[in-house]
């Protein structure tokens, strides 16, 4: 399912107009101004009971190797978004 299909199904299921459903999906999932992205950007965790939780994890700096030259390089530390599946969703998918 892509974003357009999600919007169409949401509009049908909730009896919202297609435009309102699109606004709702963007308000939650947009990578720039969506609620999940904003909270993760602040370092907060977003928990949706039964579905899962979004959080920010940290990766330490480490030594790497340039595959073209074989030279050692330093890979800097960084933060990245992570998702952990909730129990209810995990059990639903496993059926």
PDB file of N, CA and C in Angstrom:
ATOM      1  N   UNK A   1       0.848  -1.174   0.000  1.00  0.00           N
ATOM      2  CA  UNK A   1       0.000   0.000   0.000  1.00  0.00           C
ATOM      3  C   UNK A   1       0.890   1.232   0.000  1.00  0.00           C
ATOM      4  N   UNK A   2       0.599   2.149  -0.890  1.00  0.00           N
ATOM      5  CA  UNK A   2       1.348   3.404  -0.909  1.00  0.00           C
ATOM      6  C   UNK A   2       0.526   4.503  -0.224  1.00  0.00           C
ATOM      7  N   UNK A   3       1.062   5.707  -0.195  1.00  0.00           N
ATOM      8  CA  UNK A   3       0.418   6.816   0.518  1.00  0.00           C
ATOM      9  C   UNK A   3      -0.964   7.133  -0.055  1.00  0.00           C
ATOM     10  N   UNK A   4      -1.101   7.144  -1.371  1.00  0.00           N
ATOM     11  CA  UNK A   4      -2.385   7.449  -2.007  1.00  0.00           C
ATOM     12  C   UNK A   4      -3.437   6.403  -1.637  1.00  0.00           C
ATOM     13  N   UNK A   5      -3.047   5.145  -1.651  1.00  0.00           N
ATOM     14  CA  UNK A   5      -3.974   4.072  -1.267  1.00  0.00           C
ATOM     15  C   UNK A   5      -4.367   4.194   0.200  1.00  0.00           C
ATOM     16  N   UNK A   6      -3.411   4.544   1.054  1.00  0.00           N
ATOM     17  CA  UNK A   6      -3.699   4.743   2.473  1.00  0.00           C
ATOM     18  C   UNK A   6      -4.707   5.864   2.669  1.00  0.00           C
ATOM     19  N   UNK A   7      -4.522   6.961   1.970  1.00  0.00           N
ATOM     20  CA  UNK A   7      -5.444   8.105   2.068  1.00  0.00           C
ATOM     21  C   UNK A   7      -6.839   7.708   1.605  1.00  0.00           C
ATOM     22  N   UNK A   8      -6.915   6.996   0.491  1.00  0.00           N
ATOM     23  CA  UNK A   8      -8.213   6.560  -0.044  1.00  0.00           C
ATOM     24  C   UNK A   8      -8.932   5.643   0.937  1.00  0.00           C
ATOM     25  N   UNK A   9      -8.217   4.682   1.510  1.00  0.00           N
ATOM     26  CA  UNK A   9      -8.830   3.750   2.469  1.00  0.00           C
ATOM     27  C   UNK A   9      -9.245   4.462   3.750  1.00  0.00           C
ATOM     28  N   UNK A  10      -8.423   5.408   4.209  1.00  0.00           N
ATOM     29  CA  UNK A  10      -8.762   6.183   5.405  1.00  0.00           C
ATOM     30  C   UNK A  10     -10.015   7.007   5.168  1.00  0.00           C
ATOM     31  N   UNK A  11     -10.111   7.650   4.012  1.00  0.00           N
ATOM     32  CA  UNK A  11     -11.282   8.465   3.677  1.00  0.00           C
ATOM     33  C   UNK A  11     -12.543   7.600   3.650  1.00  0.00           C
ATOM     34  N   UNK A  12     -12.437   6.428   3.072  1.00  0.00           N
ATOM     35  CA  UNK A  12     -13.587   5.531   2.975  1.00  0.00           C
ATOM     36  C   UNK A  12     -14.005   5.001   4.349  1.00  0.00           C
ATOM     37  N   UNK A  13     -13.016   4.601   5.152  1.00  0.00           N
ATOM     38  CA  UNK A  13     -13.298   4.008   6.463  1.00  0.00           C
ATOM     39  C   UNK A  13     -13.867   5.016   7.455  1.00  0.00           C
ATOM     40  N   UNK A  14     -13.419   6.272   7.367  1.00  0.00           N
ATOM     41  CA  UNK A  14     -13.843   7.283   8.341  1.00  0.00           C
ATOM     42  C   UNK A  14     -14.874   8.256   7.788  1.00  0.00           C
ATOM     43  N   UNK A  15     -15.228   8.096   6.531  1.00  0.00           N
ATOM     44  CA  UNK A  15     -16.173   8.983   5.849  1.00  0.00           C
ATOM     45  C   UNK A  15     -15.678  10.427   5.801  1.00  0.00           C
ATOM     46  N   UNK A  16     -14.365  10.596   5.775  1.00  0.00           N
ATOM     47  CA  UNK A  16     -13.766  11.918   5.576  1.00  0.00           C
ATOM     48  C   UNK A  16     -13.658  12.166   4.071  1.00  0.00           C
ATOM     49  N   UNK A  17     -13.523  13.421   3.711  1.00  0.00           N
ATOM     50  CA  UNK A  17     -13.259  13.712   2.307  1.00  0.00           C
ATOM     51  C   UNK A  17     -11.821  13.283   2.011  1.00  0.00           C
ATOM     52  N   UNK A  18     -11.535  13.090   0.748  1.00  0.00           N
ATOM     53  CA  UNK A  18     -10.185  12.693   0.352  1.00  0.00           C
ATOM     54  C   UNK A  18      -9.166  13.743   0.802  1.00  0.00           C
ATOM     55  N   UNK A  19      -9.517  15.014   0.694  1.00  0.00           N
ATOM     56  CA  UNK A  19      -8.612  16.095   1.099  1.00  0.00           C
ATOM     57  C   UNK A  19      -8.348  16.081   2.602  1.00  0.00           C
ATOM     58  N   UNK A  20      -9.383  15.865   3.397  1.00  0.00           N
ATOM     59  CA  UNK A  20      -9.217  15.830   4.861  1.00  0.00           C
ATOM     60  C   UNK A  20      -8.386  14.614   5.278  1.00  0.00           C
ATOM     61  N   UNK A  21      -8.607  13.479   4.620  1.00  0.00           N
ATOM     62  CA  UNK A  21      -7.823  12.284   4.920  1.00  0.00           C
ATOM     63  C   UNK A  21      -6.353  12.514   4.575  1.00  0.00           C
ATOM     64  N   UNK A  22      -6.101  13.193   3.458  1.00  0.00           N
ATOM     65  CA  UNK A  22      -4.723  13.509   3.064  1.00  0.00           C
ATOM     66  C   UNK A  22      -4.069  14.426   4.092  1.00  0.00           C
ATOM     67  N   UNK A  23      -4.804  15.404   4.592  1.00  0.00           N
ATOM     68  CA  UNK A  23      -4.287  16.298   5.630  1.00  0.00           C
ATOM     69  C   UNK A  23      -3.931  15.515   6.886  1.00  0.00           C
ATOM     70  N   UNK A  24      -4.795  14.584   7.267  1.00  0.00           N
ATOM     71  CA  UNK A  24      -4.559  13.790   8.476  1.00  0.00           C
ATOM     72  C   UNK A  24      -3.306  12.928   8.324  1.00  0.00           C
ATOM     73  N   UNK A  25      -3.164  12.264   7.205  1.00  0.00           N
ATOM     74  CA  UNK A  25      -1.991  11.421   6.972  1.00  0.00           C
ATOM     75  C   UNK A  25      -0.726  12.272   6.969  1.00  0.00           C
ATOM     76  N   UNK A  26      -0.753  13.418   6.287  1.00  0.00           N
ATOM     77  CA  UNK A  26       0.414  14.302   6.255  1.00  0.00           C
ATOM     78  C   UNK A  26       0.746  14.846   7.639  1.00  0.00           C
ATOM     79  N   UNK A  27      -0.262  15.176   8.409  1.00  0.00           N
ATOM     80  CA  UNK A  27      -0.037  15.729   9.742  1.00  0.00           C
ATOM     81  C   UNK A  27       0.684  14.736  10.651  1.00  0.00           C
ATOM     82  N   UNK A  28       0.487  13.461  10.420  1.00  0.00           N
ATOM     83  CA  UNK A  28       1.119  12.439  11.248  1.00  0.00           C
ATOM     84  C   UNK A  28       2.438  11.962  10.661  1.00  0.00           C
ATOM     85  N   UNK A  29       2.448  11.621   9.364  1.00  0.00           N
ATOM     86  CA  UNK A  29       3.576  10.909   8.784  1.00  0.00           C
ATOM     87  C   UNK A  29       4.545  11.731   7.946  1.00  0.00           C
ATOM     88  N   UNK A  30       4.291  12.996   7.688  1.00  0.00           N
ATOM     89  CA  UNK A  30       5.190  13.790   6.853  1.00  0.00           C
ATOM     90  C   UNK A  30       6.577  13.838   7.493  1.00  0.00           C
ATOM     91  N   UNK A  31       7.607  13.578   6.698  1.00  0.00           N
ATOM     92  CA  UNK A  31       8.974  13.515   7.224  1.00  0.00           C
ATOM     93  C   UNK A  31       9.524  14.877   7.639  1.00  0.00           C
ATOM     94  N   UNK A  32       8.930  15.960   7.145  1.00  0.00           N
ATOM     95  CA  UNK A  32       9.424  17.293   7.484  1.00  0.00           C
ATOM     96  C   UNK A  32       8.615  17.925   8.608  1.00  0.00           C
ATOM     97  N   UNK A  33       7.284  17.947   8.476  1.00  0.00           N
ATOM     98  CA  UNK A  33       6.463  18.638   9.466  1.00  0.00           C
ATOM     99  C   UNK A  33       5.467  17.747  10.181  1.00  0.00           C
ATOM    100  N   UNK A  34       5.577  16.445  10.027  1.00  0.00           N
ATOM    101  CA  UNK A  34       4.639  15.527  10.671  1.00  0.00           C
ATOM    102  C   UNK A  34       4.884  15.416  12.164  1.00  0.00           C
ATOM    103  N   UNK A  35       3.855  15.026  12.876  1.00  0.00           N
ATOM    104  CA  UNK A  35       3.945  14.936  14.335  1.00  0.00           C
ATOM    105  C   UNK A  35       5.011  13.947  14.797  1.00  0.00           C
ATOM    106  N   UNK A  36       5.095  12.793  14.156  1.00  0.00           N
ATOM    107  CA  UNK A  36       6.093  11.797  14.558  1.00  0.00           C
ATOM    108  C   UNK A  36       7.499  12.349  14.344  1.00  0.00           C
ATOM    109  N   UNK A  37       7.753  12.928  13.187  1.00  0.00           N
ATOM    110  CA  UNK A  37       9.078  13.476  12.891  1.00  0.00           C
ATOM    111  C   UNK A  37       9.446  14.612  13.841  1.00  0.00           C
ATOM    112  N   UNK A  38       8.491  15.464  14.158  1.00  0.00           N
ATOM    113  CA  UNK A  38       8.768  16.577  15.064  1.00  0.00           C
ATOM    114  C   UNK A  38       9.151  16.075  16.451  1.00  0.00           C
ATOM    115  N   UNK A  39       8.409  15.099  16.958  1.00  0.00           N
ATOM    116  CA  UNK A  39       8.718  14.570  18.289  1.00  0.00           C
ATOM    117  C   UNK A  39      10.060  13.850  18.314  1.00  0.00           C
ATOM    118  N   UNK A  40      10.354  13.080  17.280  1.00  0.00           N
ATOM    119  CA  UNK A  40      11.654  12.414  17.214  1.00  0.00           C
ATOM    120  C   UNK A  40      12.777  13.439  17.109  1.00  0.00           C
ATOM    121  N   UNK A  41      12.535  14.516  16.375  1.00  0.00           N
ATOM    122  CA  UNK A  41      13.526  15.582  16.253  1.00  0.00           C
ATOM    123  C   UNK A  41      13.854  16.235  17.585  1.00  0.00           C
ATOM    124  N   UNK A  42      12.896  16.233  18.495  1.00  0.00           N
ATOM    125  CA  UNK A  42      13.103  16.791  19.836  1.00  0.00           C
ATOM    126  C   UNK A  42      13.725  15.754  20.774  1.00  0.00           C
ATOM    127  N   UNK A  43      13.899  14.530  20.270  1.00  0.00           N
ATOM    128  CA  UNK A  43      14.472  13.474  21.107  1.00  0.00           C
ATOM    129  C   UNK A  43      13.443  12.707  21.914  1.00  0.00           C
ATOM    130  N   UNK A  44      12.160  12.940  21.649  1.00  0.00           N
ATOM    131  CA  UNK A  44      11.099  12.257  22.383  1.00  0.00           C
ATOM    132  C   UNK A  44      10.742  10.931  21.727  1.00  0.00           C
ATOM    133  N   UNK A  45      10.071  10.085  22.474  1.00  0.00           N
ATOM    134  CA  UNK A  45       9.607   8.794  21.990  1.00  0.00           C
ATOM    135  C   UNK A  45       8.120   8.912  21.670  1.00  0.00           C
ATOM    136  N   UNK A  46       7.663   8.254  20.606  1.00  0.00           N
ATOM    137  CA  UNK A  46       6.244   8.242  20.236  1.00  0.00           C
ATOM    138  C   UNK A  46       5.752   6.811  20.395  1.00  0.00           C
ATOM    139  N   UNK A  47       4.825   6.601  21.348  1.00  0.00           N
ATOM    140  CA  UNK A  47       4.314   5.261  21.627  1.00  0.00           C
ATOM    141  C   UNK A  47       2.851   5.158  21.214  1.00  0.00           C
ATOM    142  N   UNK A  48       2.540   4.150  20.427  1.00  0.00           N
ATOM    143  CA  UNK A  48       1.180   3.861  19.999  1.00  0.00           C
ATOM    144  C   UNK A  48       0.857   2.463  20.510  1.00  0.00           C
ATOM    145  N   UNK A  49       0.192   2.355  21.678  1.00  0.00           N
ATOM    146  CA  UNK A  49      -0.046   1.047  22.290  1.00  0.00           C
ATOM    147  C   UNK A  49      -0.688   0.058  21.323  1.00  0.00           C
ATOM    148  N   UNK A  50      -0.110  -1.134  21.277  1.00  0.00           N
ATOM    149  CA  UNK A  50      -0.600  -2.186  20.402  1.00  0.00           C
ATOM    150  C   UNK A  50       0.003  -2.130  19.014  1.00  0.00           C
ATOM    151  N   UNK A  51       0.428  -0.944  18.570  1.00  0.00           N
ATOM    152  CA  UNK A  51       1.005  -0.786  17.234  1.00  0.00           C
ATOM    153  C   UNK A  51       2.524  -0.815  17.296  1.00  0.00           C
ATOM    154  N   UNK A  52       3.107   0.035  18.151  1.00  0.00           N
ATOM    155  CA  UNK A  52       4.548   0.077  18.288  1.00  0.00           C
ATOM    156  C   UNK A  52       5.026   1.415  18.801  1.00  0.00           C
ATOM    157  N   UNK A  53       6.335   1.567  18.816  1.00  0.00           N
ATOM    158  CA  UNK A  53       6.894   2.828  19.295  1.00  0.00           C
ATOM    159  C   UNK A  53       8.043   3.278  18.391  1.00  0.00           C
ATOM    160  N   UNK A  54       8.093   4.589  18.186  1.00  0.00           N
ATOM    161  CA  UNK A  54       9.157   5.222  17.429  1.00  0.00           C
ATOM    162  C   UNK A  54      10.093   5.867  18.437  1.00  0.00           C
ATOM    163  N   UNK A  55      11.393   5.731  18.216  1.00  0.00           N
ATOM    164  CA  UNK A  55      12.356   6.348  19.122  1.00  0.00           C
ATOM    165  C   UNK A  55      13.590   6.759  18.333  1.00  0.00           C
ATOM    166  N   UNK A  56      14.471   7.485  19.012  1.00  0.00           N
ATOM    167  CA  UNK A  56      15.737   7.898  18.418  1.00  0.00           C
ATOM    168  C   UNK A  56      16.835   7.087  19.097  1.00  0.00           C
ATOM    169  N   UNK A  57      17.659   6.451  18.287  1.00  0.00           N
ATOM    170  CA  UNK A  57      18.783   5.686  18.815  1.00  0.00           C
ATOM    171  C   UNK A  57      20.080   6.357  18.403  1.00  0.00           C
ATOM    172  N   UNK A  58      21.135   6.063  19.160  1.00  0.00           N
ATOM    173  CA  UNK A  58      22.440   6.653  18.880  1.00  0.00           C
ATOM    174  C   UNK A  58      23.402   5.559  18.428  1.00  0.00           C
ATOM    175  N   UNK A  59      24.175   5.877  17.415  1.00  0.00           N
ATOM    176  CA  UNK A  59      25.214   4.974  16.934  1.00  0.00           C
ATOM    177  C   UNK A  59      26.548   5.651  17.221  1.00  0.00           C
ATOM    178  N   UNK A  60      27.443   4.952  17.885  1.00  0.00           N
ATOM    179  CA  UNK A  60      28.742   5.517  18.256  1.00  0.00           C
ATOM    180  C   UNK A  60      29.628   5.683  17.026  1.00  0.00           C
ATOM    181  N   UNK A  61      30.623   6.556  17.131  1.00  0.00           N
ATOM    182  CA  UNK A  61      31.572   6.694  16.033  1.00  0.00           C
ATOM    183  C   UNK A  61      32.406   5.411  15.961  1.00  0.00           C
ATOM    184  N   UNK A  62      32.914   5.136  14.769  1.00  0.00           N
ATOM    185  CA  UNK A  62      33.676   3.899  14.597  1.00  0.00           C
ATOM    186  C   UNK A  62      34.643   4.029  13.430  1.00  0.00           C
ATOM    187  N   UNK A  63      35.552   3.080  13.363  1.00  0.00           N
ATOM    188  CA  UNK A  63      36.495   3.012  12.254  1.00  0.00           C
ATOM    189  C   UNK A  63      35.850   2.234  11.122  1.00  0.00           C
ATOM    190  N   UNK A  64      36.021   2.724   9.915  1.00  0.00           N
ATOM    191  CA  UNK A  64      35.543   2.022   8.736  1.00  0.00           C
ATOM    192  C   UNK A  64      36.651   1.948   7.714  1.00  0.00           C
ATOM    193  N   UNK A  65      36.342   1.403   6.562  1.00  0.00           N
ATOM    194  CA  UNK A  65      37.337   1.274   5.520  1.00  0.00           C
ATOM    195  C   UNK A  65      36.720   1.677   4.194  1.00  0.00           C
ATOM    196  N   UNK A  66      37.401   2.530   3.447  1.00  0.00           N
ATOM    197  CA  UNK A  66      36.946   2.925   2.121  1.00  0.00           C
ATOM    198  C   UNK A  66      37.126   1.713   1.206  1.00  0.00           C
ATOM    199  N   UNK A  67      36.029   1.182   0.634  1.00  0.00           N
ATOM    200  CA  UNK A  67      36.165  -0.025  -0.179  1.00  0.00           C
ATOM    201  C   UNK A  67      36.956   0.192  -1.475  1.00  0.00           C
ATOM    202  N   UNK A  68      36.995   1.404  -1.974  1.00  0.00           N
ATOM    203  CA  UNK A  68      37.717   1.666  -3.221  1.00  0.00           C
ATOM    204  C   UNK A  68      39.231   1.732  -3.003  1.00  0.00           C
ATOM    205  N   UNK A  69      39.643   2.361  -1.889  1.00  0.00           N
ATOM    206  CA  UNK A  69      41.074   2.563  -1.662  1.00  0.00           C
ATOM    207  C   UNK A  69      41.640   1.680  -0.557  1.00  0.00           C
ATOM    208  N   UNK A  70      40.776   1.162   0.302  1.00  0.00           N
ATOM    209  CA  UNK A  70      41.242   0.353   1.425  1.00  0.00           C
ATOM    210  C   UNK A  70      41.726   1.188   2.596  1.00  0.00           C
ATOM    211  N   UNK A  71      41.672   2.529   2.474  1.00  0.00           N
ATOM    212  CA  UNK A  71      42.113   3.418   3.547  1.00  0.00           C
ATOM    213  C   UNK A  71      41.128   3.399   4.711  1.00  0.00           C
ATOM    214  N   UNK A  72      41.670   3.504   5.923  1.00  0.00           N
ATOM    215  CA  UNK A  72      40.833   3.584   7.117  1.00  0.00           C
ATOM    216  C   UNK A  72      40.203   4.973   7.187  1.00  0.00           C
ATOM    217  N   UNK A  73      38.933   5.017   7.540  1.00  0.00           N
ATOM    218  CA  UNK A  73      38.237   6.295   7.700  1.00  0.00           C
ATOM    219  C   UNK A  73      37.470   6.279   9.008  1.00  0.00           C
ATOM    220  N   UNK A  74      37.220   7.467   9.540  1.00  0.00           N
ATOM    221  CA  UNK A  74      36.436   7.562  10.768  1.00  0.00           C
ATOM    222  C   UNK A  74      34.986   7.856  10.388  1.00  0.00           C
ATOM    223  N   UNK A  75      34.082   7.021  10.849  1.00  0.00           N
ATOM    224  CA  UNK A  75      32.657   7.223  10.619  1.00  0.00           C
ATOM    225  C   UNK A  75      32.114   7.914  11.873  1.00  0.00           C
ATOM    226  N   UNK A  76      31.554   9.116  11.727  1.00  0.00           N
ATOM    227  CA  UNK A  76      31.118   9.873  12.915  1.00  0.00           C
ATOM    228  C   UNK A  76      29.884   9.269  13.591  1.00  0.00           C
ATOM    229  N   UNK A  77      29.708   9.614  14.859  1.00  0.00           N
ATOM    230  CA  UNK A  77      28.519   9.190  15.609  1.00  0.00           C
ATOM    231  C   UNK A  77      27.304   9.872  15.001  1.00  0.00           C
ATOM    232  N   UNK A  78      26.149   9.224  15.137  1.00  0.00           N
ATOM    233  CA  UNK A  78      24.931   9.835  14.627  1.00  0.00           C
ATOM    234  C   UNK A  78      23.718   9.275  15.334  1.00  0.00           C
ATOM    235  N   UNK A  79      22.608   9.973  15.174  1.00  0.00           N
ATOM    236  CA  UNK A  79      21.319   9.531  15.697  1.00  0.00           C
ATOM    237  C   UNK A  79      20.487   9.051  14.526  1.00  0.00           C
ATOM    238  N   UNK A  80      19.618   8.071  14.776  1.00  0.00           N
ATOM    239  CA  UNK A  80      18.758   7.568  13.711  1.00  0.00           C
ATOM    240  C   UNK A  80      17.414   7.142  14.290  1.00  0.00           C
ATOM    241  N   UNK A  81      16.350   7.220  13.482  1.00  0.00           N
ATOM    242  CA  UNK A  81      15.033   6.810  13.964  1.00  0.00           C
ATOM    243  C   UNK A  81      14.917   5.289  13.974  1.00  0.00           C
ATOM    244  N   UNK A  82      14.164   4.775  14.940  1.00  0.00           N
ATOM    245  CA  UNK A  82      13.957   3.332  15.038  1.00  0.00           C
ATOM    246  C   UNK A  82      12.492   3.070  15.374  1.00  0.00           C
ATOM    247  N   UNK A  83      12.014   1.901  14.977  1.00  0.00           N
ATOM    248  CA  UNK A  83      10.639   1.502  15.260  1.00  0.00           C
ATOM    249  C   UNK A  83      10.654   0.121  15.888  1.00  0.00           C
ATOM    250  N   UNK A  84       9.916  -0.043  16.981  1.00  0.00           N
ATOM    251  CA  UNK A  84       9.780  -1.338  17.640  1.00  0.00           C
ATOM    252  C   UNK A  84       8.312  -1.725  17.577  1.00  0.00           C
ATOM    253  N   UNK A  85       8.033  -2.873  17.013  1.00  0.00           N
ATOM    254  CA  UNK A  85       6.663  -3.343  16.818  1.00  0.00           C
ATOM    255  C   UNK A  85       6.024  -3.688  18.161  1.00  0.00           C
ATOM    256  N   UNK A  86       4.738  -3.307  18.320  1.00  0.00           N
ATOM    257  CA  UNK A  86       3.992  -3.641  19.517  1.00  0.00           C
ATOM    258  C   UNK A  86       3.500  -5.084  19.482  1.00  0.00           C
ATOM    259  N   UNK A  87       3.160  -5.612  20.628  1.00  0.00           N
ATOM    260  CA  UNK A  87       2.758  -7.013  20.758  1.00  0.00           C
ATOM    261  C   UNK A  87       1.518  -7.336  19.925  1.00  0.00           C
ATOM    262  N   UNK A  88       0.499  -6.494  19.960  1.00  0.00           N
ATOM    263  CA  UNK A  88      -0.740  -6.757  19.236  1.00  0.00           C
ATOM    264  C   UNK A  88      -0.497  -6.819  17.732  1.00  0.00           C
ATOM    265  N   UNK A  89       0.262  -5.876  17.190  1.00  0.00           N
ATOM    266  CA  UNK A  89       0.567  -5.868  15.761  1.00  0.00           C
ATOM    267  C   UNK A  89       1.418  -7.075  15.380  1.00  0.00           C
ATOM    268  N   UNK A  90       2.396  -7.396  16.193  1.00  0.00           N
ATOM    269  CA  UNK A  90       3.265  -8.550  15.925  1.00  0.00           C
ATOM    270  C   UNK A  90       2.447  -9.839  15.860  1.00  0.00           C
ATOM    271  N   UNK A  91       1.504  -9.992  16.781  1.00  0.00           N
ATOM    272  CA  UNK A  91       0.670 -11.198  16.790  1.00  0.00           C
ATOM    273  C   UNK A  91      -0.285 -11.219  15.609  1.00  0.00           C
ATOM    274  N   UNK A  92      -0.801 -10.064  15.208  1.00  0.00           N
ATOM    275  CA  UNK A  92      -1.714  -9.970  14.056  1.00  0.00           C
ATOM    276  C   UNK A  92      -1.011 -10.389  12.761  1.00  0.00           C
ATOM    277  N   UNK A  93       0.223  -9.948  12.588  1.00  0.00           N
ATOM    278  CA  UNK A  93       0.998 -10.266  11.384  1.00  0.00           C
ATOM    279  C   UNK A  93       1.430 -11.728  11.381  1.00  0.00           C
ATOM    280  N   UNK A  94       1.693 -12.289  12.552  1.00  0.00           N
ATOM    281  CA  UNK A  94       2.184 -13.661  12.650  1.00  0.00           C
ATOM    282  C   UNK A  94       1.125 -14.718  12.330  1.00  0.00           C
ATOM    283  N   UNK A  95      -0.153 -14.328  12.322  1.00  0.00           N
ATOM    284  CA  UNK A  95      -1.224 -15.301  12.067  1.00  0.00           C
ATOM    285  C   UNK A  95      -1.200 -15.804  10.660  1.00  0.00           C
TER     286      UNK A  95
END
